[in-house]
Amino acid sequence: MLSRDDLLTLEANKPSPPKRLHVAAWGGDVLLLDPTAQTYDEWSIYCETHKGTVVPWRAKLASLLLCDETGERLFTEADVPTLAGWRPDGLLEVWQVGVELLKVDDKEIEAEAEKSVASP
């Protein structure tokens, strides 16, 4: 049986270094966080809270994952509206990798987004 100390020191529980992603639309590389349980929970709460509404899904995901070399996020919740105003090309590239990192199904999120657009 694993003890508390075993779990606290287990290498498998430690986040990996940020992942480098070349974003062709931006003409350079960015770093994406290896999501922690907290990141996953933030994303899940955001999705549940905004279910059926029009929200900047891709901008929110980018704000959670884009980071510097030390793993510090580049953006906060306050930056999401700014990111949402960007051209979509780069955010789409981040999105494609981000949903894999967060282990979520973007089809479910896309369905929610379509429903929210169709709703009056």
PDB file of N, CA and C in Angstrom:
ATOM      1  N   MET A   1       0.849  -1.167   0.000  1.00  0.00           N
ATOM      2  CA  MET A   1       0.000   0.000   0.000  1.00  0.00           C
ATOM      3  C   MET A   1       0.899   1.236   0.000  1.00  0.00           C
ATOM      4  N   LEU A   2       0.616   2.167  -0.893  1.00  0.00           N
ATOM      5  CA  LEU A   2       1.387   3.412  -0.954  1.00  0.00           C
ATOM      6  C   LEU A   2       1.039   4.306   0.230  1.00  0.00           C
ATOM      7  N   SER A   3       2.053   4.842   0.837  1.00  0.00           N
ATOM      8  CA  SER A   3       1.853   5.749   1.969  1.00  0.00           C
ATOM      9  C   SER A   3       1.709   7.188   1.467  1.00  0.00           C
ATOM     10  N   ARG A   4       1.389   8.068   2.366  1.00  0.00           N
ATOM     11  CA  ARG A   4       1.315   9.493   2.044  1.00  0.00           C
ATOM     12  C   ARG A   4       2.658   9.962   1.494  1.00  0.00           C
ATOM     13  N   ASP A   5       3.742   9.611   2.186  1.00  0.00           N
ATOM     14  CA  ASP A   5       5.080  10.006   1.741  1.00  0.00           C
ATOM     15  C   ASP A   5       5.400   9.440   0.363  1.00  0.00           C
ATOM     16  N   ASP A   6       4.998   8.186   0.128  1.00  0.00           N
ATOM     17  CA  ASP A   6       5.219   7.585  -1.192  1.00  0.00           C
ATOM     18  C   ASP A   6       4.532   8.420  -2.271  1.00  0.00           C
ATOM     19  N   LEU A   7       3.280   8.777  -2.036  1.00  0.00           N
ATOM     20  CA  LEU A   7       2.510   9.528  -3.020  1.00  0.00           C
ATOM     21  C   LEU A   7       3.076  10.937  -3.233  1.00  0.00           C
ATOM     22  N   LEU A   8       3.526  11.566  -2.151  1.00  0.00           N
ATOM     23  CA  LEU A   8       4.070  12.922  -2.265  1.00  0.00           C
ATOM     24  C   LEU A   8       5.383  12.963  -3.038  1.00  0.00           C
ATOM     25  N   THR A   9       6.122  11.882  -3.028  1.00  0.00           N
ATOM     26  CA  THR A   9       7.416  11.867  -3.713  1.00  0.00           C
ATOM     27  C   THR A   9       7.393  11.099  -5.027  1.00  0.00           C
ATOM     28  N   LEU A  10       6.258  10.588  -5.401  1.00  0.00           N
ATOM     29  CA  LEU A  10       6.135   9.790  -6.615  1.00  0.00           C
ATOM     30  C   LEU A  10       6.390  10.638  -7.862  1.00  0.00           C
ATOM     31  N   GLU A  11       7.362  10.250  -8.653  1.00  0.00           N
ATOM     32  CA  GLU A  11       7.705  10.985  -9.885  1.00  0.00           C
ATOM     33  C   GLU A  11       6.519  11.086 -10.846  1.00  0.00           C
ATOM     34  N   ALA A  12       5.689  10.064 -10.888  1.00  0.00           N
ATOM     35  CA  ALA A  12       4.541  10.054 -11.801  1.00  0.00           C
ATOM     36  C   ALA A  12       3.535  11.160 -11.487  1.00  0.00           C
ATOM     37  N   ASN A  13       3.575  11.701 -10.268  1.00  0.00           N
ATOM     38  CA  ASN A  13       2.651  12.771  -9.891  1.00  0.00           C
ATOM     39  C   ASN A  13       3.190  14.164 -10.190  1.00  0.00           C
ATOM     40  N   LYS A  14       4.453  14.250 -10.556  1.00  0.00           N
ATOM     41  CA  LYS A  14       5.061  15.549 -10.824  1.00  0.00           C
ATOM     42  C   LYS A  14       4.829  15.950 -12.279  1.00  0.00           C
ATOM     43  N   PRO A  15       4.435  17.202 -12.507  1.00  0.00           N
ATOM     44  CA  PRO A  15       4.222  17.645 -13.894  1.00  0.00           C
ATOM     45  C   PRO A  15       5.519  17.561 -14.704  1.00  0.00           C
ATOM     46  N   SER A  16       5.365  17.264 -15.967  1.00  0.00           N
ATOM     47  CA  SER A  16       6.494  17.268 -16.892  1.00  0.00           C
ATOM     48  C   SER A  16       6.848  18.709 -17.228  1.00  0.00           C
ATOM     49  N   PRO A  17       8.041  18.937 -17.762  1.00  0.00           N
ATOM     50  CA  PRO A  17       8.377  20.296 -18.206  1.00  0.00           C
ATOM     51  C   PRO A  17       7.393  20.757 -19.285  1.00  0.00           C
ATOM     52  N   PRO A  18       7.281  22.066 -19.471  1.00  0.00           N
ATOM     53  CA  PRO A  18       6.379  22.566 -20.521  1.00  0.00           C
ATOM     54  C   PRO A  18       6.712  21.961 -21.884  1.00  0.00           C
ATOM     55  N   LYS A  19       5.662  21.770 -22.670  1.00  0.00           N
ATOM     56  CA  LYS A  19       5.796  21.187 -24.013  1.00  0.00           C
ATOM     57  C   LYS A  19       5.960  22.311 -25.032  1.00  0.00           C
ATOM     58  N   ARG A  20       6.940  22.172 -25.893  1.00  0.00           N
ATOM     59  CA  ARG A  20       7.169  23.155 -26.950  1.00  0.00           C
ATOM     60  C   ARG A  20       6.231  22.851 -28.121  1.00  0.00           C
ATOM     61  N   LEU A  21       5.590  23.886 -28.627  1.00  0.00           N
ATOM     62  CA  LEU A  21       4.687  23.754 -29.771  1.00  0.00           C
ATOM     63  C   LEU A  21       5.019  24.846 -30.776  1.00  0.00           C
ATOM     64  N   HIS A  22       5.259  24.447 -32.008  1.00  0.00           N
ATOM     65  CA  HIS A  22       5.455  25.433 -33.060  1.00  0.00           C
ATOM     66  C   HIS A  22       4.072  25.842 -33.565  1.00  0.00           C
ATOM     67  N   VAL A  23       3.774  27.123 -33.468  1.00  0.00           N
ATOM     68  CA  VAL A  23       2.492  27.661 -33.938  1.00  0.00           C
ATOM     69  C   VAL A  23       2.775  28.391 -35.248  1.00  0.00           C
ATOM     70  N   ALA A  24       2.454  27.728 -36.344  1.00  0.00           N
ATOM     71  CA  ALA A  24       2.751  28.274 -37.674  1.00  0.00           C
ATOM     72  C   ALA A  24       2.110  29.649 -37.868  1.00  0.00           C
ATOM     73  N   ALA A  25       0.880  29.814 -37.387  1.00  0.00           N
ATOM     74  CA  ALA A  25       0.169  31.085 -37.565  1.00  0.00           C
ATOM     75  C   ALA A  25       0.877  32.239 -36.859  1.00  0.00           C
ATOM     76  N   TRP A  26       1.616  31.938 -35.807  1.00  0.00           N
ATOM     77  CA  TRP A  26       2.327  32.969 -35.062  1.00  0.00           C
ATOM     78  C   TRP A  26       3.793  33.035 -35.463  1.00  0.00           C
ATOM     79  N   GLY A  27       4.238  32.114 -36.296  1.00  0.00           N
ATOM     80  CA  GLY A  27       5.611  32.134 -36.786  1.00  0.00           C
ATOM     81  C   GLY A  27       6.660  31.831 -35.730  1.00  0.00           C
ATOM     82  N   GLY A  28       6.307  31.056 -34.733  1.00  0.00           N
ATOM     83  CA  GLY A  28       7.282  30.727 -33.696  1.00  0.00           C
ATOM     84  C   GLY A  28       6.766  29.676 -32.742  1.00  0.00           C
ATOM     85  N   ASP A  29       7.578  29.401 -31.734  1.00  0.00           N
ATOM     86  CA  ASP A  29       7.251  28.382 -30.749  1.00  0.00           C
ATOM     87  C   ASP A  29       6.645  29.010 -29.501  1.00  0.00           C
ATOM     88  N   VAL A  30       5.794  28.226 -28.849  1.00  0.00           N
ATOM     89  CA  VAL A  30       5.251  28.581 -27.539  1.00  0.00           C
ATOM     90  C   VAL A  30       5.454  27.377 -26.628  1.00  0.00           C
ATOM     91  N   LEU A  31       5.266  27.602 -25.351  1.00  0.00           N
ATOM     92  CA  LEU A  31       5.330  26.520 -24.379  1.00  0.00           C
ATOM     93  C   LEU A  31       3.955  26.320 -23.768  1.00  0.00           C
ATOM     94  N   LEU A  32       3.593  25.041 -23.586  1.00  0.00           N
ATOM     95  CA  LEU A  32       2.316  24.690 -22.980  1.00  0.00           C
ATOM     96  C   LEU A  32       2.570  23.907 -21.702  1.00  0.00           C
ATOM     97  N   LEU A  33       1.848  24.264 -20.660  1.00  0.00           N
ATOM     98  CA  LEU A  33       1.956  23.569 -19.376  1.00  0.00           C
ATOM     99  C   LEU A  33       1.533  22.116 -19.496  1.00  0.00           C
ATOM    100  N   ASP A  34       2.167  21.273 -18.714  1.00  0.00           N
ATOM    101  CA  ASP A  34       1.648  19.933 -18.490  1.00  0.00           C
ATOM    102  C   ASP A  34       0.562  20.126 -17.435  1.00  0.00           C
ATOM    103  N   PRO A  35      -0.700  19.911 -17.788  1.00  0.00           N
ATOM    104  CA  PRO A  35      -1.778  20.244 -16.854  1.00  0.00           C
ATOM    105  C   PRO A  35      -1.687  19.464 -15.540  1.00  0.00           C
ATOM    106  N   THR A  36      -1.984  20.169 -14.468  1.00  0.00           N
ATOM    107  CA  THR A  36      -2.088  19.558 -13.148  1.00  0.00           C
ATOM    108  C   THR A  36      -3.567  19.296 -12.871  1.00  0.00           C
ATOM    109  N   ALA A  37      -3.855  18.666 -11.761  1.00  0.00           N
ATOM    110  CA  ALA A  37      -5.246  18.452 -11.364  1.00  0.00           C
ATOM    111  C   ALA A  37      -5.965  19.792 -11.223  1.00  0.00           C
ATOM    112  N   GLN A  38      -5.258  20.805 -10.718  1.00  0.00           N
ATOM    113  CA  GLN A  38      -5.862  22.129 -10.570  1.00  0.00           C
ATOM    114  C   GLN A  38      -6.234  22.721 -11.929  1.00  0.00           C
ATOM    115  N   THR A  39      -5.349  22.572 -12.918  1.00  0.00           N
ATOM    116  CA  THR A  39      -5.638  23.086 -14.265  1.00  0.00           C
ATOM    117  C   THR A  39      -6.857  22.374 -14.843  1.00  0.00           C
ATOM    118  N   TYR A  40      -6.872  21.063 -14.695  1.00  0.00           N
ATOM    119  CA  TYR A  40      -8.002  20.280 -15.202  1.00  0.00           C
ATOM    120  C   TYR A  40      -9.303  20.715 -14.530  1.00  0.00           C
ATOM    121  N   ASP A  41      -9.253  20.909 -13.208  1.00  0.00           N
ATOM    122  CA  ASP A  41     -10.456  21.346 -12.487  1.00  0.00           C
ATOM    123  C   ASP A  41     -10.902  22.733 -12.930  1.00  0.00           C
ATOM    124  N   GLU A  42      -9.951  23.648 -13.128  1.00  0.00           N
ATOM    125  CA  GLU A  42     -10.308  24.989 -13.612  1.00  0.00           C
ATOM    126  C   GLU A  42     -11.027  24.892 -14.951  1.00  0.00           C
ATOM    127  N   TRP A  43     -10.510  24.059 -15.853  1.00  0.00           N
ATOM    128  CA  TRP A  43     -11.125  23.886 -17.166  1.00  0.00           C
ATOM    129  C   TRP A  43     -12.515  23.267 -17.028  1.00  0.00           C
ATOM    130  N   SER A  44     -12.641  22.233 -16.197  1.00  0.00           N
ATOM    131  CA  SER A  44     -13.932  21.558 -16.007  1.00  0.00           C
ATOM    132  C   SER A  44     -14.974  22.507 -15.436  1.00  0.00           C
ATOM    133  N   ILE A  45     -14.569  23.299 -14.448  1.00  0.00           N
ATOM    134  CA  ILE A  45     -15.500  24.260 -13.834  1.00  0.00           C
ATOM    135  C   ILE A  45     -15.919  25.316 -14.852  1.00  0.00           C
ATOM    136  N   TYR A  46     -14.977  25.786 -15.652  1.00  0.00           N
ATOM    137  CA  TYR A  46     -15.294  26.768 -16.692  1.00  0.00           C
ATOM    138  C   TYR A  46     -16.315  26.186 -17.676  1.00  0.00           C
ATOM    139  N   CYS A  47     -16.076  24.952 -18.104  1.00  0.00           N
ATOM    140  CA  CYS A  47     -16.997  24.313 -19.058  1.00  0.00           C
ATOM    141  C   CYS A  47     -18.381  24.130 -18.451  1.00  0.00           C
ATOM    142  N   GLU A  48     -18.431  23.657 -17.219  1.00  0.00           N
ATOM    143  CA  GLU A  48     -19.722  23.427 -16.567  1.00  0.00           C
ATOM    144  C   GLU A  48     -20.454  24.741 -16.312  1.00  0.00           C
ATOM    145  N   THR A  49     -19.747  25.745 -15.872  1.00  0.00           N
ATOM    146  CA  THR A  49     -20.342  27.045 -15.576  1.00  0.00           C
ATOM    147  C   THR A  49     -20.913  27.701 -16.831  1.00  0.00           C
ATOM    148  N   HIS A  50     -20.258  27.496 -17.967  1.00  0.00           N
ATOM    149  CA  HIS A  50     -20.656  28.176 -19.201  1.00  0.00           C
ATOM    150  C   HIS A  50     -21.383  27.267 -20.190  1.00  0.00           C
ATOM    151  N   LYS A  51     -21.800  26.118 -19.726  1.00  0.00           N
ATOM    152  CA  LYS A  51     -22.521  25.177 -20.589  1.00  0.00           C
ATOM    153  C   LYS A  51     -23.727  25.878 -21.218  1.00  0.00           C
ATOM    154  N   GLY A  52     -23.835  25.769 -22.536  1.00  0.00           N
ATOM    155  CA  GLY A  52     -24.970  26.340 -23.244  1.00  0.00           C
ATOM    156  C   GLY A  52     -24.867  27.833 -23.508  1.00  0.00           C
ATOM    157  N   THR A  53     -23.717  28.431 -23.240  1.00  0.00           N
ATOM    158  CA  THR A  53     -23.551  29.862 -23.491  1.00  0.00           C
ATOM    159  C   THR A  53     -22.405  30.083 -24.475  1.00  0.00           C
ATOM    160  N   VAL A  54     -22.407  31.244 -25.082  1.00  0.00           N
ATOM    161  CA  VAL A  54     -21.330  31.594 -26.009  1.00  0.00           C
ATOM    162  C   VAL A  54     -20.179  32.174 -25.189  1.00  0.00           C
ATOM    163  N   VAL A  55     -19.074  31.452 -25.165  1.00  0.00           N
ATOM    164  CA  VAL A  55     -17.885  31.895 -24.437  1.00  0.00           C
ATOM    165  C   VAL A  55     -16.654  31.613 -25.282  1.00  0.00           C
ATOM    166  N   PRO A  56     -15.559  32.281 -24.994  1.00  0.00           N
ATOM    167  CA  PRO A  56     -14.329  32.078 -25.766  1.00  0.00           C
ATOM    168  C   PRO A  56     -13.558  30.830 -25.302  1.00  0.00           C
ATOM    169  N   TRP A  57     -14.045  29.657 -25.698  1.00  0.00           N
ATOM    170  CA  TRP A  57     -13.459  28.380 -25.276  1.00  0.00           C
ATOM    171  C   TRP A  57     -11.961  28.321 -25.558  1.00  0.00           C
ATOM    172  N   ARG A  58     -11.586  28.651 -26.783  1.00  0.00           N
ATOM    173  CA  ARG A  58     -10.181  28.513 -27.183  1.00  0.00           C
ATOM    174  C   ARG A  58      -9.280  29.502 -26.440  1.00  0.00           C
ATOM    175  N   ALA A  59      -9.780  30.696 -26.233  1.00  0.00           N
ATOM    176  CA  ALA A  59      -9.009  31.692 -25.496  1.00  0.00           C
ATOM    177  C   ALA A  59      -8.824  31.252 -24.045  1.00  0.00           C
ATOM    178  N   LYS A  60      -9.852  30.694 -23.435  1.00  0.00           N
ATOM    179  CA  LYS A  60      -9.741  30.224 -22.056  1.00  0.00           C
ATOM    180  C   LYS A  60      -8.712  29.100 -21.967  1.00  0.00           C
ATOM    181  N   LEU A  61      -8.786  28.138 -22.876  1.00  0.00           N
ATOM    182  CA  LEU A  61      -7.833  27.037 -22.847  1.00  0.00           C
ATOM    183  C   LEU A  61      -6.410  27.552 -23.025  1.00  0.00           C
ATOM    184  N   ALA A  62      -6.212  28.491 -23.936  1.00  0.00           N
ATOM    185  CA  ALA A  62      -4.885  29.070 -24.139  1.00  0.00           C
ATOM    186  C   ALA A  62      -4.403  29.769 -22.871  1.00  0.00           C
ATOM    187  N   SER A  63      -5.293  30.467 -22.177  1.00  0.00           N
ATOM    188  CA  SER A  63      -4.890  31.166 -20.948  1.00  0.00           C
ATOM    189  C   SER A  63      -4.463  30.193 -19.862  1.00  0.00           C
ATOM    190  N   LEU A  64      -5.018  29.001 -19.868  1.00  0.00           N
ATOM    191  CA  LEU A  64      -4.656  27.987 -18.876  1.00  0.00           C
ATOM    192  C   LEU A  64      -3.328  27.307 -19.184  1.00  0.00           C
ATOM    193  N   LEU A  65      -2.966  27.210 -20.468  1.00  0.00           N
ATOM    194  CA  LEU A  65      -1.825  26.382 -20.844  1.00  0.00           C
ATOM    195  C   LEU A  65      -0.588  27.130 -21.323  1.00  0.00           C
ATOM    196  N   LEU A  66      -0.721  28.296 -21.940  1.00  0.00           N
ATOM    197  CA  LEU A  66       0.462  29.013 -22.420  1.00  0.00           C
ATOM    198  C   LEU A  66       1.299  29.465 -21.223  1.00  0.00           C
ATOM    199  N   CYS A  67       2.588  29.159 -21.274  1.00  0.00           N
ATOM    200  CA  CYS A  67       3.448  29.457 -20.129  1.00  0.00           C
ATOM    201  C   CYS A  67       4.848  29.846 -20.579  1.00  0.00           C
ATOM    202  N   ASP A  68       5.669  30.256 -19.603  1.00  0.00           N
ATOM    203  CA  ASP A  68       7.071  30.554 -19.889  1.00  0.00           C
ATOM    204  C   ASP A  68       7.921  29.309 -19.574  1.00  0.00           C
ATOM    205  N   GLU A  69       9.236  29.460 -19.655  1.00  0.00           N
ATOM    206  CA  GLU A  69      10.151  28.337 -19.463  1.00  0.00           C
ATOM    207  C   GLU A  69      10.067  27.736 -18.068  1.00  0.00           C
ATOM    208  N   THR A  70       9.653  28.538 -17.083  1.00  0.00           N
ATOM    209  CA  THR A  70       9.572  28.046 -15.706  1.00  0.00           C
ATOM    210  C   THR A  70       8.222  27.412 -15.394  1.00  0.00           C
ATOM    211  N   GLY A  71       7.297  27.444 -16.365  1.00  0.00           N
ATOM    212  CA  GLY A  71       5.975  26.879 -16.140  1.00  0.00           C
ATOM    213  C   GLY A  71       4.975  27.874 -15.585  1.00  0.00           C
ATOM    214  N   GLU A  72       5.352  29.150 -15.523  1.00  0.00           N
ATOM    215  CA  GLU A  72       4.418  30.193 -15.068  1.00  0.00           C
ATOM    216  C   GLU A  72       3.499  30.565 -16.224  1.00  0.00           C
ATOM    217  N   ARG A  73       2.218  30.627 -15.933  1.00  0.00           N
ATOM    218  CA  ARG A  73       1.255  31.012 -16.965  1.00  0.00           C
ATOM    219  C   ARG A  73       1.554  32.412 -17.483  1.00  0.00           C
ATOM    220  N   LEU A  74       1.353  32.582 -18.792  1.00  0.00           N
ATOM    221  CA  LEU A  74       1.543  33.901 -19.404  1.00  0.00           C
ATOM    222  C   LEU A  74       0.316  34.785 -19.238  1.00  0.00           C
ATOM    223  N   PHE A  75      -0.852  34.175 -19.086  1.00  0.00           N
ATOM    224  CA  PHE A  75      -2.106  34.923 -19.078  1.00  0.00           C
ATOM    225  C   PHE A  75      -2.963  34.538 -17.879  1.00  0.00           C
ATOM    226  N   THR A  76      -3.838  35.459 -17.503  1.00  0.00           N
ATOM    227  CA  THR A  76      -4.779  35.229 -16.404  1.00  0.00           C
ATOM    228  C   THR A  76      -6.199  35.249 -16.968  1.00  0.00           C
ATOM    229  N   GLU A  77      -7.142  35.032 -16.104  1.00  0.00           N
ATOM    230  CA  GLU A  77      -8.552  35.106 -16.480  1.00  0.00           C
ATOM    231  C   GLU A  77      -8.883  36.471 -17.076  1.00  0.00           C
ATOM    232  N   ALA A  78      -8.261  37.509 -16.561  1.00  0.00           N
ATOM    233  CA  ALA A  78      -8.514  38.870 -17.053  1.00  0.00           C
ATOM    234  C   ALA A  78      -8.062  39.047 -18.502  1.00  0.00           C
ATOM    235  N   ASP A  79      -7.150  38.199 -18.976  1.00  0.00           N
ATOM    236  CA  ASP A  79      -6.655  38.296 -20.348  1.00  0.00           C
ATOM    237  C   ASP A  79      -7.528  37.565 -21.369  1.00  0.00           C
ATOM    238  N   VAL A  80      -8.448  36.736 -20.911  1.00  0.00           N
ATOM    239  CA  VAL A  80      -9.250  35.920 -21.834  1.00  0.00           C
ATOM    240  C   VAL A  80      -9.985  36.768 -22.875  1.00  0.00           C
ATOM    241  N   PRO A  81     -10.633  37.890 -22.501  1.00  0.00           N
ATOM    242  CA  PRO A  81     -11.287  38.701 -23.541  1.00  0.00           C
ATOM    243  C   PRO A  81     -10.309  39.224 -24.595  1.00  0.00           C
ATOM    244  N   THR A  82      -9.103  39.559 -24.182  1.00  0.00           N
ATOM    245  CA  THR A  82      -8.096  40.017 -25.142  1.00  0.00           C
ATOM    246  C   THR A  82      -7.717  38.889 -26.086  1.00  0.00           C
ATOM    247  N   LEU A  83      -7.459  37.708 -25.533  1.00  0.00           N
ATOM    248  CA  LEU A  83      -7.120  36.553 -26.366  1.00  0.00           C
ATOM    249  C   LEU A  83      -8.265  36.214 -27.325  1.00  0.00           C
ATOM    250  N   ALA A  84      -9.475  36.356 -26.857  1.00  0.00           N
ATOM    251  CA  ALA A  84     -10.649  36.052 -27.686  1.00  0.00           C
ATOM    252  C   ALA A  84     -10.756  36.993 -28.881  1.00  0.00           C
ATOM    253  N   GLY A  85     -10.135  38.157 -28.804  1.00  0.00           N
ATOM    254  CA  GLY A  85     -10.153  39.107 -29.906  1.00  0.00           C
ATOM    255  C   GLY A  85      -9.076  38.866 -30.948  1.00  0.00           C
ATOM    256  N   TRP A  86      -8.199  37.891 -30.708  1.00  0.00           N
ATOM    257  CA  TRP A  86      -7.145  37.563 -31.673  1.00  0.00           C
ATOM    258  C   TRP A  86      -7.713  36.823 -32.868  1.00  0.00           C
ATOM    259  N   ARG A  87      -6.972  36.848 -33.969  1.00  0.00           N
ATOM    260  CA  ARG A  87      -7.323  35.999 -35.112  1.00  0.00           C
ATOM    261  C   ARG A  87      -7.287  34.555 -34.631  1.00  0.00           C
ATOM    262  N   PRO A  88      -8.151  33.697 -35.135  1.00  0.00           N
ATOM    263  CA  PRO A  88      -8.277  32.349 -34.571  1.00  0.00           C
ATOM    264  C   PRO A  88      -7.179  31.354 -34.936  1.00  0.00           C
ATOM    265  N   ASP A  89      -6.402  31.619 -35.973  1.00  0.00           N
ATOM    266  CA  ASP A  89      -5.479  30.606 -36.491  1.00  0.00           C
ATOM    267  C   ASP A  89      -4.536  30.036 -35.422  1.00  0.00           C
ATOM    268  N   GLY A  90      -3.838  30.897 -34.701  1.00  0.00           N
ATOM    269  CA  GLY A  90      -2.903  30.438 -33.686  1.00  0.00           C
ATOM    270  C   GLY A  90      -3.602  29.751 -32.527  1.00  0.00           C
ATOM    271  N   LEU A  91      -4.732  30.312 -32.107  1.00  0.00           N
ATOM    272  CA  LEU A  91      -5.481  29.701 -31.010  1.00  0.00           C
ATOM    273  C   LEU A  91      -5.984  28.313 -31.389  1.00  0.00           C
ATOM    274  N   LEU A  92      -6.330  28.130 -32.652  1.00  0.00           N
ATOM    275  CA  LEU A  92      -6.766  26.800 -33.098  1.00  0.00           C
ATOM    276  C   LEU A  92      -5.633  25.787 -33.006  1.00  0.00           C
ATOM    277  N   GLU A  93      -4.417  26.211 -33.306  1.00  0.00           N
ATOM    278  CA  GLU A  93      -3.269  25.309 -33.195  1.00  0.00           C
ATOM    279  C   GLU A  93      -3.017  24.945 -31.729  1.00  0.00           C
ATOM    280  N   VAL A  94      -3.119  25.924 -30.852  1.00  0.00           N
ATOM    281  CA  VAL A  94      -2.960  25.668 -29.421  1.00  0.00           C
ATOM    282  C   VAL A  94      -4.089  24.762 -28.931  1.00  0.00           C
ATOM    283  N   TRP A  95      -5.301  25.023 -29.405  1.00  0.00           N
ATOM    284  CA  TRP A  95      -6.483  24.234 -29.021  1.00  0.00           C
ATOM    285  C   TRP A  95      -6.281  22.759 -29.344  1.00  0.00           C
ATOM    286  N   GLN A  96      -5.817  22.463 -30.549  1.00  0.00           N
ATOM    287  CA  GLN A  96      -5.670  21.067 -30.972  1.00  0.00           C
ATOM    288  C   GLN A  96      -4.757  20.283 -30.043  1.00  0.00           C
ATOM    289  N   VAL A  97      -3.689  20.893 -29.602  1.00  0.00           N
ATOM    290  CA  VAL A  97      -2.772  20.223 -28.680  1.00  0.00           C
ATOM    291  C   VAL A  97      -3.307  20.304 -27.252  1.00  0.00           C
ATOM    292  N   GLY A  98      -3.908  21.429 -26.918  1.00  0.00           N
ATOM    293  CA  GLY A  98      -4.410  21.636 -25.565  1.00  0.00           C
ATOM    294  C   GLY A  98      -5.470  20.648 -25.139  1.00  0.00           C
ATOM    295  N   VAL A  99      -6.405  20.321 -26.027  1.00  0.00           N
ATOM    296  CA  VAL A  99      -7.441  19.358 -25.642  1.00  0.00           C
ATOM    297  C   VAL A  99      -6.827  17.975 -25.410  1.00  0.00           C
ATOM    298  N   GLU A 100      -5.768  17.658 -26.127  1.00  0.00           N
ATOM    299  CA  GLU A 100      -5.069  16.391 -25.880  1.00  0.00           C
ATOM    300  C   GLU A 100      -4.377  16.423 -24.521  1.00  0.00           C
ATOM    301  N   LEU A 101      -3.718  17.529 -24.206  1.00  0.00           N
ATOM    302  CA  LEU A 101      -3.040  17.646 -22.916  1.00  0.00           C
ATOM    303  C   LEU A 101      -4.025  17.559 -21.755  1.00  0.00           C
ATOM    304  N   LEU A 102      -5.204  18.181 -21.917  1.00  0.00           N
ATOM    305  CA  LEU A 102      -6.219  18.158 -20.860  1.00  0.00           C
ATOM    306  C   LEU A 102      -7.053  16.880 -20.874  1.00  0.00           C
ATOM    307  N   LYS A 103      -6.826  16.056 -21.903  1.00  0.00           N
ATOM    308  CA  LYS A 103      -7.554  14.784 -22.025  1.00  0.00           C
ATOM    309  C   LYS A 103      -9.068  15.004 -22.032  1.00  0.00           C
ATOM    310  N   VAL A 104      -9.495  15.985 -22.829  1.00  0.00           N
ATOM    311  CA  VAL A 104     -10.923  16.256 -22.984  1.00  0.00           C
ATOM    312  C   VAL A 104     -11.318  16.021 -24.431  1.00  0.00           C
ATOM    313  N   ASP A 105     -12.590  15.825 -24.633  1.00  0.00           N
ATOM    314  CA  ASP A 105     -13.127  15.583 -25.966  1.00  0.00           C
ATOM    315  C   ASP A 105     -13.652  16.896 -26.524  1.00  0.00           C
ATOM    316  N   ASP A 106     -12.956  17.434 -27.538  1.00  0.00           N
ATOM    317  CA  ASP A 106     -13.386  18.729 -28.072  1.00  0.00           C
ATOM    318  C   ASP A 106     -14.707  18.628 -28.815  1.00  0.00           C
ATOM    319  N   LYS A 107     -15.153  17.430 -29.196  1.00  0.00           N
ATOM    320  CA  LYS A 107     -16.458  17.287 -29.864  1.00  0.00           C
ATOM    321  C   LYS A 107     -17.587  17.677 -28.913  1.00  0.00           C
ATOM    322  N   GLU A 108     -17.454  17.294 -27.650  1.00  0.00           N
ATOM    323  CA  GLU A 108     -18.461  17.660 -26.656  1.00  0.00           C
ATOM    324  C   GLU A 108     -18.495  19.177 -26.470  1.00  0.00           C
ATOM    325  N   ILE A 109     -17.329  19.795 -26.413  1.00  0.00           N
ATOM    326  CA  ILE A 109     -17.257  21.249 -26.250  1.00  0.00           C
ATOM    327  C   ILE A 109     -17.803  21.935 -27.493  1.00  0.00           C
ATOM    328  N   GLU A 110     -17.450  21.423 -28.672  1.00  0.00           N
ATOM    329  CA  GLU A 110     -17.967  21.989 -29.926  1.00  0.00           C
ATOM    330  C   GLU A 110     -19.493  21.891 -29.966  1.00  0.00           C
ATOM    331  N   ALA A 111     -20.047  20.761 -29.500  1.00  0.00           N
ATOM    332  CA  ALA A 111     -21.506  20.599 -29.492  1.00  0.00           C
ATOM    333  C   ALA A 111     -22.139  21.639 -28.587  1.00  0.00           C
ATOM    334  N   GLU A 112     -21.552  21.886 -27.425  1.00  0.00           N
ATOM    335  CA  GLU A 112     -22.070  22.916 -26.526  1.00  0.00           C
ATOM    336  C   GLU A 112     -22.001  24.285 -27.189  1.00  0.00           C
ATOM    337  N   ALA A 113     -20.897  24.566 -27.847  1.00  0.00           N
ATOM    338  CA  ALA A 113     -20.735  25.862 -28.515  1.00  0.00           C
ATOM    339  C   ALA A 113     -21.771  26.038 -29.598  1.00  0.00           C
ATOM    340  N   GLU A 114     -22.024  24.980 -30.390  1.00  0.00           N
ATOM    341  CA  GLU A 114     -23.037  25.064 -31.449  1.00  0.00           C
ATOM    342  C   GLU A 114     -24.420  25.280 -30.877  1.00  0.00           C
ATOM    343  N   LYS A 115     -24.742  24.584 -29.786  1.00  0.00           N
ATOM    344  CA  LYS A 115     -26.040  24.764 -29.150  1.00  0.00           C
ATOM    345  C   LYS A 115     -26.209  26.203 -28.663  1.00  0.00           C
ATOM    346  N   SER A 116     -25.150  26.758 -28.108  1.00  0.00           N
ATOM    347  CA  SER A 116     -25.243  28.114 -27.579  1.00  0.00           C
ATOM    348  C   SER A 116     -25.411  29.137 -28.687  1.00  0.00           C
ATOM    349  N   VAL A 117     -24.816  28.891 -29.841  1.00  0.00           N
ATOM    350  CA  VAL A 117     -24.966  29.803 -30.984  1.00  0.00           C
ATOM    351  C   VAL A 117     -26.372  29.691 -31.542  1.00  0.00           C
ATOM    352  N   ALA A 118     -26.928  28.467 -31.545  1.00  0.00           N
ATOM    353  CA  ALA A 118     -28.257  28.233 -32.098  1.00  0.00           C
ATOM    354  C   ALA A 118     -29.351  28.760 -31.179  1.00  0.00           C
ATOM    355  N   SER A 119     -29.060  28.872 -29.887  1.00  0.00           N
ATOM    356  CA  SER A 119     -30.058  29.343 -28.933  1.00  0.00           C
ATOM    357  C   SER A 119     -30.310  30.833 -29.117  1.00  0.00           C
ATOM    358  N   PRO A 120     -31.589  31.235 -28.961  1.00  0.00           N
ATOM    359  CA  PRO A 120     -31.902  32.678 -29.071  1.00  0.00           C
ATOM    360  C   PRO A 120     -31.365  33.467 -27.910  1.00  0.00           C
TER     361      PRO A 120
END
